[in-house]
Amino acid sequence: LFGQHPINGLLLLYCSRKKKKPPHFQAPGGHVDKEDFDAALARLQDTSISSSVDEDSSHPLLLLACKIGAARELYEETGIDLRNDLHRFQPVLLRSKKDGLFTTSCVLKHRLFFRVCFTDDDFVTEGFDSMVALGISQSMNTEAPMLMLKLSEEHQGFLFEPDPRRAVDLLVQHSGGKVSTALDMAIAQGEIKDVTASSERNEPDVIVGHPMSNEAKDHTETEKGVLDCFECC
């Protein structure tokens, strides 16, 4: 998931507690579970609920399940709750659209990539002193904006990077460079904007190490013909 604040830039998560893994930055995301597909199927069958999927999508179940999975992972990792705002998850155009599967334009190496435009309201913005005891964290930027998150135990910090090209470098060791490559492709397609003009560069004093590698789970039989395994990022 490429989550970008219009002033502060891309949200990157910092991980330093993985066994045999040096400190490194990650983009929010993770596995799409069977429960995500079950929820997507139920939602598609309920005509009273908006599916948040384009009507011309060739694989609406897969796309919706990945949106649900991305929203769940974002909430678990950061406390940002967009689970009822799935329309905000937009597939990232990584390459020119071609005839055929929608996955040709927004998938790289069994990972479907979304982008979300964050607002201040998505973060904890008040009462930092009283929130520390509740596990609320400020960003690692030198001049940290008053936008705070409740991070999971998996992550020990977060950073806003206004320059997407620098974010490409910071993510290069996450998931074997796949996320970094996808971000670079998205920038080339004009999907991710540079916000350095509206934000001063605040670089953290941290060590970037090797990636955290995740194995994707098999998804439901309905979409096995599309991808053998899948992650949402």
Protein backbone atom coordinates (compact mmCIF):
# COMPACT_ATOMS: atom_id res chain seq x y z
CA LEU A 1 0.00 0.00 0.00
CA PHE A 2 1.39 3.35 -1.02
CA GLY A 3 -0.27 5.70 1.44
CA GLN A 4 0.57 9.34 0.82
CA HIS A 5 -0.23 12.46 2.80
CA PRO A 6 -0.52 15.47 0.44
CA ILE A 7 1.94 17.54 2.51
CA ASN A 8 4.11 15.07 4.41
CA GLY A 9 4.53 12.38 1.79
CA LEU A 10 4.59 8.58 1.74
CA LEU A 11 4.05 6.60 4.94
CA LEU A 12 6.84 4.11 5.63
CA LEU A 13 6.91 1.71 8.59
CA TYR A 14 10.11 0.85 10.47
CA CYS A 15 10.84 -2.67 11.66
CA SER A 16 13.79 -3.62 13.85
CA ARG A 17 12.75 -6.73 15.79
CA LYS A 18 12.65 -9.47 13.18
CA LYS A 19 14.94 -12.41 13.92
CA LYS A 20 17.84 -12.53 11.48
CA LYS A 21 16.55 -9.32 9.85
CA PRO A 22 18.38 -6.00 10.30
CA PRO A 23 16.31 -2.80 10.68
CA HIS A 24 14.45 -1.86 7.52
CA PHE A 25 11.53 0.15 6.17
CA GLN A 26 8.32 -1.35 4.82
CA ALA A 27 5.17 -0.21 3.10
CA PRO A 28 1.95 -1.26 4.87
CA GLY A 29 0.48 -4.50 3.56
CA GLY A 30 0.43 -8.25 3.92
CA HIS A 31 -1.36 -11.46 3.06
CA VAL A 32 -4.89 -11.70 1.74
CA ASP A 33 -6.65 -14.28 3.89
CA LYS A 34 -9.49 -16.66 3.13
CA GLU A 35 -11.66 -14.58 5.45
CA ASP A 36 -11.04 -11.57 3.20
CA PHE A 37 -12.36 -13.52 0.21
CA ASP A 38 -15.35 -14.73 2.22
CA ALA A 39 -16.18 -11.15 3.20
CA ALA A 40 -15.75 -9.99 -0.39
CA LEU A 41 -18.04 -12.70 -1.71
CA ALA A 42 -20.73 -11.84 0.83
CA ARG A 43 -20.44 -8.18 -0.04
CA LEU A 44 -20.73 -8.80 -3.77
CA GLN A 45 -23.83 -10.93 -3.21
CA ASP A 46 -25.50 -8.24 -1.10
CA THR A 47 -26.93 -5.76 -3.59
CA SER A 48 -27.71 -3.28 -0.79
CA ILE A 49 -23.99 -2.71 -0.14
CA SER A 50 -21.66 -0.87 -2.47
CA SER A 51 -18.89 -3.21 -3.57
CA SER A 52 -16.30 -0.41 -4.05
CA VAL A 53 -15.18 -2.21 -7.22
CA ASP A 54 -15.43 -0.85 -10.74
CA GLU A 55 -18.23 -2.46 -12.66
CA ASP A 56 -15.90 -3.22 -15.58
CA SER A 57 -13.40 -5.09 -13.41
CA SER A 58 -12.72 -8.52 -14.88
CA HIS A 59 -12.13 -10.05 -11.43
CA PRO A 60 -14.28 -8.17 -8.91
CA LEU A 61 -13.95 -10.83 -6.19
CA LEU A 62 -10.17 -10.76 -6.28
CA LEU A 63 -10.00 -6.97 -6.34
CA LEU A 64 -12.50 -6.54 -3.50
CA ALA A 65 -10.85 -9.23 -1.36
CA CYS A 66 -7.54 -7.45 -1.78
CA LYS A 67 -9.07 -4.11 -0.81
CA ILE A 68 -10.52 -5.72 2.31
CA GLY A 69 -7.18 -7.34 3.09
CA ALA A 70 -5.28 -4.08 2.56
CA ALA A 71 -7.68 -2.18 4.83
CA ARG A 72 -7.36 -4.86 7.50
CA GLU A 73 -3.55 -4.86 7.34
CA LEU A 74 -3.42 -1.07 7.44
CA TYR A 75 -5.60 -1.04 10.57
CA GLU A 76 -3.61 -3.79 12.29
CA GLU A 77 -0.26 -2.16 11.53
CA THR A 78 -1.05 1.53 12.05
CA GLY A 79 -4.48 1.97 13.66
CA ILE A 80 -5.70 3.84 10.55
CA ASP A 81 -9.20 2.51 10.03
CA LEU A 82 -10.44 2.63 6.45
CA ARG A 83 -12.28 -0.68 6.60
CA ASN A 84 -15.56 1.07 5.85
CA ASP A 85 -13.97 3.32 3.21
CA LEU A 86 -12.78 0.78 0.67
CA HIS A 87 -13.41 3.22 -2.18
CA ARG A 88 -10.28 5.07 -1.04
CA PHE A 89 -8.11 2.13 -2.04
CA GLN A 90 -7.28 2.70 -5.70
CA PRO A 91 -5.31 0.13 -7.72
CA VAL A 92 -1.94 1.59 -8.67
CA LEU A 93 -1.19 1.76 -12.37
CA LEU A 94 2.25 0.16 -12.68
CA ARG A 95 2.22 -0.13 -16.46
CA SER A 96 -0.01 0.86 -19.33
CA LYS A 97 -3.36 -0.93 -19.29
CA LYS A 98 -3.66 -3.75 -21.76
CA ASP A 99 -6.52 -5.83 -23.00
CA GLY A 100 -7.27 -8.77 -20.73
CA LEU A 101 -6.87 -9.16 -16.99
CA PHE A 102 -6.93 -6.00 -14.90
CA THR A 103 -4.03 -7.53 -13.00
CA THR A 104 -1.67 -6.73 -15.87
CA SER A 105 -1.60 -3.09 -14.80
CA CYS A 106 -1.52 -3.18 -10.98
CA VAL A 107 0.16 -6.47 -10.02
CA LEU A 108 3.84 -7.23 -9.66
CA LYS A 109 5.17 -10.60 -8.52
CA HIS A 110 1.85 -11.80 -7.04
CA ARG A 111 1.34 -8.52 -5.20
CA LEU A 112 -1.50 -6.15 -6.01
CA PHE A 113 -0.66 -2.55 -5.17
CA PHE A 114 -3.05 0.15 -3.99
CA ARG A 115 -2.63 3.83 -3.27
CA VAL A 116 -4.49 5.83 -0.64
CA CYS A 117 -4.48 9.58 -0.08
CA PHE A 118 -4.33 10.15 3.68
CA THR A 119 -5.80 13.15 5.46
CA ASP A 120 -5.03 14.51 8.92
CA ASP A 121 -8.27 12.96 10.15
CA ASP A 122 -6.87 9.47 9.50
CA PHE A 123 -4.28 9.99 12.26
CA VAL A 124 -4.32 10.69 15.99
CA THR A 125 -3.74 14.45 16.12
CA GLU A 126 -4.26 15.50 19.76
CA GLY A 127 -3.08 14.64 23.25
CA PHE A 128 0.29 13.11 22.45
CA ASP A 129 1.55 13.24 26.06
CA SER A 130 -1.47 11.34 27.33
CA MET A 131 -1.46 8.97 24.34
CA VAL A 132 2.09 7.67 24.81
CA ALA A 133 0.93 5.29 27.53
CA LEU A 134 -1.59 3.87 25.06
CA GLY A 135 1.11 3.04 22.54
CA ILE A 136 0.63 6.06 20.29
CA SER A 137 3.77 7.03 18.38
CA GLN A 138 5.02 10.16 16.64
CA SER A 139 6.88 9.95 13.34
CA MET A 140 10.66 9.61 13.15
CA ASN A 141 11.01 12.80 11.08
CA THR A 142 13.34 15.43 12.52
CA GLU A 143 10.48 17.90 12.70
CA ALA A 144 7.66 15.47 13.31
CA PRO A 145 4.19 16.56 12.22
CA MET A 146 1.48 16.10 14.83
CA LEU A 147 0.16 13.03 13.07
CA MET A 148 0.41 9.97 15.29
CA LEU A 149 -0.24 6.25 14.88
CA LYS A 150 -0.92 3.24 17.06
CA LEU A 151 1.67 0.85 15.66
CA SER A 152 1.54 -2.92 15.92
CA GLU A 153 4.25 -4.79 17.82
CA GLU A 154 5.72 -5.65 14.43
CA HIS A 155 6.81 -2.05 13.86
CA GLN A 156 8.87 0.25 16.03
CA GLY A 157 8.40 3.53 14.22
CA PHE A 158 7.20 5.28 11.10
CA LEU A 159 8.37 7.97 8.74
CA PHE A 160 6.88 10.38 6.24
CA GLU A 161 9.01 10.68 3.10
CA PRO A 162 8.01 13.59 0.84
CA ASP A 163 10.37 12.55 -1.97
CA PRO A 164 9.03 9.35 -3.60
CA ARG A 165 12.38 8.70 -5.25
CA ARG A 166 14.03 8.56 -1.85
CA ALA A 167 11.23 6.24 -0.69
CA VAL A 168 12.22 3.92 -3.55
CA ASP A 169 15.70 3.73 -2.03
CA LEU A 170 14.41 3.26 1.51
CA LEU A 171 12.21 0.34 0.44
CA VAL A 172 14.77 -1.36 -1.78
CA GLN A 173 15.47 -4.10 0.77
CA HIS A 174 11.83 -4.80 1.65
CA SER A 175 10.43 -8.02 0.12
CA GLY A 176 13.48 -8.51 -2.04
CA GLY A 177 13.04 -5.14 -3.71
CA LYS A 178 9.60 -5.89 -5.18
CA VAL A 179 7.85 -3.05 -3.34
CA SER A 180 10.62 -0.64 -4.30
CA THR A 181 10.33 -1.70 -7.94
CA ALA A 182 6.55 -1.26 -7.88
CA LEU A 183 6.90 2.22 -6.40
CA ASP A 184 9.41 3.17 -9.07
CA MET A 185 6.99 1.94 -11.76
CA ALA A 186 4.10 3.86 -10.17
CA ILE A 187 6.16 7.06 -10.12
CA ALA A 188 6.96 6.59 -13.81
CA GLN A 189 3.22 6.30 -14.53
CA GLY A 190 2.48 9.50 -12.59
CA GLU A 191 0.57 7.63 -9.89
CA ILE A 192 2.69 8.88 -6.97
CA LYS A 193 3.44 12.59 -6.71
CA ASP A 194 6.48 14.37 -5.31
CA VAL A 195 5.38 16.61 -2.41
CA THR A 196 8.80 17.98 -1.51
CA ALA A 197 7.70 21.42 -2.72
CA SER A 198 5.22 21.61 0.16
CA SER A 199 7.27 19.80 2.80
CA GLU A 200 10.79 20.20 4.14
CA ARG A 201 12.97 17.09 3.92
CA ASN A 202 13.22 15.43 7.35
CA GLU A 203 15.54 12.44 7.23
CA PRO A 204 15.65 9.93 10.13
CA ASP A 205 18.89 8.73 11.69
CA VAL A 206 18.31 5.00 11.27
CA ILE A 207 19.98 2.00 9.69
CA VAL A 208 18.27 0.37 6.74
CA GLY A 209 18.85 -3.37 6.58
CA HIS A 210 17.63 -6.39 4.67
CA PRO A 211 14.00 -7.08 3.72
CA MET A 212 11.38 -8.96 5.61
CA SER A 213 10.27 -11.80 3.33
CA ASN A 214 6.65 -12.96 3.45
CA GLU A 215 5.12 -16.03 1.88
CA ALA A 216 1.66 -15.47 0.47
CA LYS A 217 -1.22 -17.79 1.29
CA ASP A 218 -3.27 -19.64 -1.29
CA HIS A 219 -6.55 -17.90 -1.99
CA THR A 220 -9.97 -19.36 -2.67
CA GLU A 221 -10.76 -21.69 -5.55
CA THR A 222 -12.83 -18.97 -7.23
CA GLU A 223 -9.75 -16.97 -8.20
CA LYS A 224 -7.03 -19.65 -8.34
CA GLY A 225 -6.97 -19.35 -12.10
CA VAL A 226 -5.84 -15.74 -11.80
CA LEU A 227 -2.99 -15.93 -9.27
CA ASP A 228 -1.53 -18.84 -7.32
CA CYS A 229 -0.77 -16.71 -4.28
CA PHE A 230 -1.25 -13.10 -3.42
CA GLU A 231 -0.37 -10.18 -1.21
CA CYS A 232 -1.78 -6.68 -1.02
CA CYS A 233 0.62 -3.77 -0.68
